[in-house]
């Protein structure tokens, strides 16, 4: 798995995707909003994508606030890949997850399976790094005696009790055999550095509703396992996230359907 070819610059792979799918540049985002936990973007087809809002990193209103309020074509929003404003970056990635709602239904995905079930063939005497405190996954990994587990978190309120600040990623990521990213990490300006630090990992996985970008973007960026979500009742989800709904609430209401996309090499090992 270490020989799997990838380009580590996520933004270039986003642009490459749209060069290969020119028609998608013309798609319009007709509505967008930033909620307490998740933000959303609505396509001209009324398909909605959501992305973690990262309000803890809020650094002011977006310079393109009028454009975001009035609607925009995806092509115009691609410049937000280089933006220093978190709202602009988040809305772009919510737009990408909206496109992923449609694009990912055209590829073969797995349902009713858990990440650790897919990783099971690899979970023996390994170093595992988790970028973002993915609570159920992390707690299960901690229960295993034959793993060395490192968990990194940006939110200072969650650091401690075996959870490290994300500043320690520089120290430990290169040691990891398996790296699990929260999808929320994709929007961060240091994502390329995280991919570079994890380039020696046997498996790189990215999970969560924020990982629901078109899978081609993510596989090119070095991910072997992608765990995203298909959204049901788009209009209702948009209203709910603006009222503060998070992933657990949406899942409890039956508005989220989880899926996994796994590259061929991993499927063969897992049988």
Protein backbone atom coordinates (compact mmCIF):
# COMPACT_ATOMS: atom_id res chain seq x y z
CA UNK A 1 0.00 0.00 0.00
CA UNK A 2 2.92 2.39 0.58
CA UNK A 3 3.58 2.49 -3.18
CA UNK A 4 0.08 3.84 -3.94
CA UNK A 5 0.54 6.87 -6.23
CA UNK A 6 -0.86 10.17 -5.07
CA UNK A 7 -0.39 13.89 -5.34
CA UNK A 8 -0.19 15.53 -1.97
CA UNK A 9 -1.59 18.93 -2.95
CA UNK A 10 -5.33 18.68 -2.31
CA UNK A 11 -6.13 22.01 -3.95
CA UNK A 12 -4.45 20.91 -7.19
CA UNK A 13 -6.48 17.71 -7.16
CA UNK A 14 -9.69 19.72 -6.73
CA UNK A 15 -8.74 21.82 -9.74
CA UNK A 16 -7.76 18.73 -11.74
CA UNK A 17 -11.15 17.19 -11.02
CA UNK A 18 -12.90 20.21 -12.52
CA UNK A 19 -10.57 20.23 -15.52
CA UNK A 20 -11.75 16.67 -16.18
CA UNK A 21 -15.40 17.59 -15.50
CA UNK A 22 -15.71 21.03 -17.10
CA UNK A 23 -19.50 20.86 -16.98
CA UNK A 24 -19.45 20.85 -13.18
CA UNK A 25 -17.79 24.28 -13.11
CA UNK A 26 -21.06 25.70 -14.40
CA UNK A 27 -23.13 24.28 -11.57
CA UNK A 28 -24.56 27.00 -9.34
CA UNK A 29 -24.75 27.23 -5.59
CA UNK A 30 -28.08 28.98 -5.08
CA UNK A 31 -28.01 29.12 -1.28
CA UNK A 32 -25.49 28.72 1.54
CA UNK A 33 -25.52 29.09 5.30
CA UNK A 34 -23.22 28.77 8.29
CA UNK A 35 -24.66 26.99 11.33
CA UNK A 36 -23.18 26.48 14.78
CA UNK A 37 -21.82 23.02 13.95
CA UNK A 38 -22.30 22.53 10.23
CA UNK A 39 -22.62 24.75 7.19
CA UNK A 40 -24.47 23.91 4.01
CA UNK A 41 -24.47 24.68 0.31
CA UNK A 42 -27.40 24.03 -2.02
CA UNK A 43 -26.92 23.27 -5.71
CA UNK A 44 -29.20 24.42 -8.51
CA UNK A 45 -30.68 20.89 -8.40
CA UNK A 46 -31.60 21.53 -4.73
CA UNK A 47 -29.05 18.93 -3.60
CA UNK A 48 -27.48 19.96 -0.29
CA UNK A 49 -24.00 19.28 1.01
CA UNK A 50 -22.79 19.97 4.55
CA UNK A 51 -19.41 20.68 6.07
CA UNK A 52 -18.12 21.30 9.58
CA UNK A 53 -18.33 25.05 10.26
CA UNK A 54 -15.08 25.45 12.22
CA UNK A 55 -16.48 28.44 14.09
CA UNK A 56 -13.62 28.04 16.57
CA UNK A 57 -11.42 29.28 13.70
CA UNK A 58 -13.79 32.09 12.65
CA UNK A 59 -11.72 35.06 11.50
CA UNK A 60 -14.30 37.55 10.34
CA UNK A 61 -17.02 37.87 7.70
CA UNK A 62 -16.04 36.61 4.25
CA UNK A 63 -14.74 39.27 1.83
CA UNK A 64 -16.99 37.65 -0.80
CA UNK A 65 -20.06 37.88 1.44
CA UNK A 66 -22.25 39.42 -1.29
CA UNK A 67 -21.32 36.69 -3.75
CA UNK A 68 -22.04 34.01 -1.16
CA UNK A 69 -25.40 35.57 -0.34
CA UNK A 70 -26.51 36.02 -3.97
CA UNK A 71 -25.39 32.65 -5.33
CA UNK A 72 -22.36 31.68 -7.40
CA UNK A 73 -21.00 29.23 -9.90
CA UNK A 74 -18.59 26.58 -8.65
CA UNK A 75 -15.93 27.89 -11.03
CA UNK A 76 -15.94 31.27 -9.29
CA UNK A 77 -15.69 29.65 -5.86
CA UNK A 78 -12.56 27.62 -6.67
CA UNK A 79 -10.49 30.69 -5.79
CA UNK A 80 -11.54 30.11 -2.18
CA UNK A 81 -9.04 27.24 -2.14
CA UNK A 82 -6.43 29.92 -1.50
CA UNK A 83 -8.58 32.04 0.80
CA UNK A 84 -7.46 32.97 4.31
CA UNK A 85 -11.08 33.38 5.40
CA UNK A 86 -12.55 30.27 7.03
CA UNK A 87 -16.14 30.99 6.00
CA UNK A 88 -15.13 31.13 2.34
CA UNK A 89 -13.15 27.91 2.66
CA UNK A 90 -15.96 26.10 4.49
CA UNK A 91 -18.64 27.16 1.99
CA UNK A 92 -16.45 25.96 -0.88
CA UNK A 93 -16.02 22.57 0.76
CA UNK A 94 -19.74 22.38 1.52
CA UNK A 95 -20.23 23.01 -2.20
CA UNK A 96 -17.88 20.12 -2.99
CA UNK A 97 -19.80 17.80 -0.67
CA UNK A 98 -23.00 18.87 -2.45
CA UNK A 99 -21.46 17.79 -5.75
CA UNK A 100 -20.32 14.62 -4.02
CA UNK A 101 -23.92 13.79 -3.16
CA UNK A 102 -24.59 13.34 -6.86
CA UNK A 103 -21.18 12.18 -8.10
CA UNK A 104 -20.61 9.50 -5.47
CA UNK A 105 -23.90 7.78 -6.25
CA UNK A 106 -22.38 6.82 -9.60
CA UNK A 107 -19.53 4.81 -8.04
CA UNK A 108 -19.56 1.56 -6.10
CA UNK A 109 -19.84 2.20 -2.36
CA UNK A 110 -20.30 0.01 0.68
CA UNK A 111 -23.15 0.43 3.16
CA UNK A 112 -23.79 -0.97 6.66
CA UNK A 113 -20.11 -1.35 7.46
CA UNK A 114 -17.85 0.33 10.03
CA UNK A 115 -14.40 1.80 9.47
CA UNK A 116 -12.69 -0.54 11.92
CA UNK A 117 -14.24 -3.53 10.17
CA UNK A 118 -12.51 -2.40 6.97
CA UNK A 119 -9.26 -1.80 8.84
CA UNK A 120 -9.36 -5.08 10.77
CA UNK A 121 -6.78 -6.90 8.56
CA UNK A 122 -4.28 -4.15 9.38
CA UNK A 123 -4.95 -3.66 13.12
CA UNK A 124 -2.18 -5.81 14.54
CA UNK A 125 0.97 -4.38 16.08
CA UNK A 126 0.50 -1.07 14.29
CA UNK A 127 0.91 2.60 15.07
CA UNK A 128 -2.40 4.38 14.46
CA UNK A 129 -2.82 8.15 14.30
CA UNK A 130 -6.23 9.82 14.39
CA UNK A 131 -6.51 13.43 13.27
CA UNK A 132 -9.55 14.76 15.11
CA UNK A 133 -11.09 13.15 18.19
CA UNK A 134 -13.48 10.75 16.46
CA UNK A 135 -14.94 9.49 19.71
CA UNK A 136 -16.38 6.02 18.89
CA UNK A 137 -13.41 5.09 16.70
CA UNK A 138 -10.83 6.34 19.18
CA UNK A 139 -12.41 4.59 22.15
CA UNK A 140 -12.43 1.27 20.29
CA UNK A 141 -8.78 1.71 19.27
CA UNK A 142 -7.82 2.46 22.88
CA UNK A 143 -9.37 -0.83 23.96
CA UNK A 144 -6.97 -2.80 21.78
CA UNK A 145 -3.78 -3.94 23.45
CA UNK A 146 -1.62 -4.41 20.35
CA UNK A 147 -1.85 -0.87 19.01
CA UNK A 148 0.07 2.33 19.66
CA UNK A 149 -2.54 5.08 19.24
CA UNK A 150 -2.02 8.83 18.88
CA UNK A 151 -5.01 11.18 18.80
CA UNK A 152 -4.65 14.82 17.74
CA UNK A 153 -7.24 17.52 18.31
CA UNK A 154 -7.48 21.27 17.53
CA UNK A 155 -10.24 22.00 20.05
CA UNK A 156 -8.42 22.89 23.25
CA UNK A 157 -11.35 21.79 25.43
CA UNK A 158 -10.88 18.18 24.27
CA UNK A 159 -7.12 17.96 24.82
CA UNK A 160 -5.84 15.80 27.68
CA UNK A 161 -6.47 12.23 28.85
CA UNK A 162 -4.44 10.72 25.97
CA UNK A 163 -5.59 13.35 23.44
CA UNK A 164 -2.74 15.51 22.13
CA UNK A 165 -2.82 19.01 20.72
CA UNK A 166 -2.50 19.05 16.94
CA UNK A 167 0.94 20.66 17.30
CA UNK A 168 2.25 17.15 18.03
CA UNK A 169 1.30 15.92 14.56
CA UNK A 170 4.75 17.01 13.41
CA UNK A 171 6.33 14.71 15.99
CA UNK A 172 4.28 11.54 15.55
CA UNK A 173 2.52 11.35 12.16
CA UNK A 174 5.56 10.04 10.30
CA UNK A 175 5.61 7.02 12.65
CA UNK A 176 2.06 5.96 11.82
CA UNK A 177 1.19 2.85 9.83
CA UNK A 178 -2.47 3.88 9.68
CA UNK A 179 -3.75 7.46 9.68
CA UNK A 180 -7.44 8.28 10.11
CA UNK A 181 -8.46 11.83 9.21
CA UNK A 182 -11.69 13.53 10.15
CA UNK A 183 -13.21 14.99 7.00
CA UNK A 184 -13.18 18.38 8.70
CA UNK A 185 -9.37 18.43 8.36
CA UNK A 186 -9.62 18.73 4.57
CA UNK A 187 -10.50 22.43 4.71
CA UNK A 188 -7.50 23.36 6.86
CA UNK A 189 -4.65 25.23 5.17
CA UNK A 190 -2.15 22.69 6.54
CA UNK A 191 -3.86 19.65 4.95
CA UNK A 192 -1.04 19.20 2.43
CA UNK A 193 1.49 19.10 5.25
CA UNK A 194 -0.57 16.43 7.04
CA UNK A 195 -0.66 14.37 3.86
CA UNK A 196 3.08 14.77 3.47
CA UNK A 197 3.74 13.71 7.06
CA UNK A 198 1.55 10.64 6.59
CA UNK A 199 2.99 9.59 3.23
CA UNK A 200 4.64 6.49 4.72
CA UNK A 201 1.39 5.18 6.15
CA UNK A 202 0.11 1.89 4.82
CA UNK A 203 -3.48 3.12 4.99
CA UNK A 204 -4.94 6.61 5.01
CA UNK A 205 -8.66 6.93 5.72
CA UNK A 206 -10.91 9.99 5.88
CA UNK A 207 -14.36 9.80 7.47
CA UNK A 208 -17.38 11.88 8.44
CA UNK A 209 -20.02 13.90 6.59
CA UNK A 210 -17.32 16.45 5.73
CA UNK A 211 -15.50 13.68 3.79
CA UNK A 212 -18.32 13.48 1.23
CA UNK A 213 -16.42 15.22 -1.58
CA UNK A 214 -16.31 13.48 -4.98
CA UNK A 215 -14.23 10.40 -4.22
CA UNK A 216 -11.86 10.97 -7.15
CA UNK A 217 -10.49 14.10 -5.47
CA UNK A 218 -9.71 12.19 -2.30
CA UNK A 219 -8.22 9.06 -3.83
CA UNK A 220 -5.86 11.22 -5.88
CA UNK A 221 -4.86 12.97 -2.68
CA UNK A 222 -3.73 9.72 -1.10
CA UNK A 223 -6.75 8.33 0.72
CA UNK A 224 -7.42 4.60 0.49
CA UNK A 225 -10.70 4.54 2.44
CA UNK A 226 -13.33 7.28 2.25
CA UNK A 227 -16.27 7.28 4.61
CA UNK A 228 -18.88 9.88 3.77
CA UNK A 229 -22.62 10.41 4.02
CA UNK A 230 -25.53 10.67 1.63
CA UNK A 231 -28.11 13.21 2.74
CA UNK A 232 -31.84 12.58 2.70
CA UNK A 233 -34.40 15.41 2.64
CA UNK A 234 -31.99 18.15 1.63
CA UNK A 235 -34.24 21.09 2.47
CA UNK A 236 -34.88 19.78 5.96
CA UNK A 237 -31.19 19.16 6.59
CA UNK A 238 -30.38 22.73 5.55
CA UNK A 239 -32.93 24.12 8.00
CA UNK A 240 -31.74 21.85 10.80
CA UNK A 241 -28.05 22.71 10.52
CA UNK A 242 -28.96 26.40 10.69
CA UNK A 243 -30.72 25.59 13.97
CA UNK A 244 -27.57 23.99 15.36
CA UNK A 245 -28.07 20.34 14.40
CA UNK A 246 -24.93 18.23 14.30
CA UNK A 247 -24.11 14.85 12.83
CA UNK A 248 -25.62 12.85 15.69
CA UNK A 249 -28.93 14.71 15.45
CA UNK A 250 -29.13 14.24 11.69
CA UNK A 251 -28.30 10.57 12.02
CA UNK A 252 -30.85 10.05 14.81
CA UNK A 253 -33.52 11.62 12.58
CA UNK A 254 -32.64 9.22 9.76
CA UNK A 255 -31.39 11.99 7.48
CA UNK A 256 -27.89 10.57 6.99
CA UNK A 257 -26.89 7.39 5.17
CA UNK A 258 -23.24 6.46 5.70
CA UNK A 259 -21.16 4.97 2.91
CA UNK A 260 -17.60 3.84 2.32
CA UNK A 261 -15.56 3.94 -0.86
CA UNK A 262 -12.54 1.65 -0.76
CA UNK A 263 -9.79 1.45 -3.37
CA UNK A 264 -9.21 -1.94 -5.00
CA UNK A 265 -6.00 -2.78 -3.14
CA UNK A 266 -7.65 -2.49 0.28
CA UNK A 267 -10.69 -4.50 -0.82
CA UNK A 268 -8.44 -7.35 -1.95
CA UNK A 269 -6.60 -7.52 1.37
CA UNK A 270 -9.87 -7.38 3.29
CA UNK A 271 -11.38 -10.11 1.16
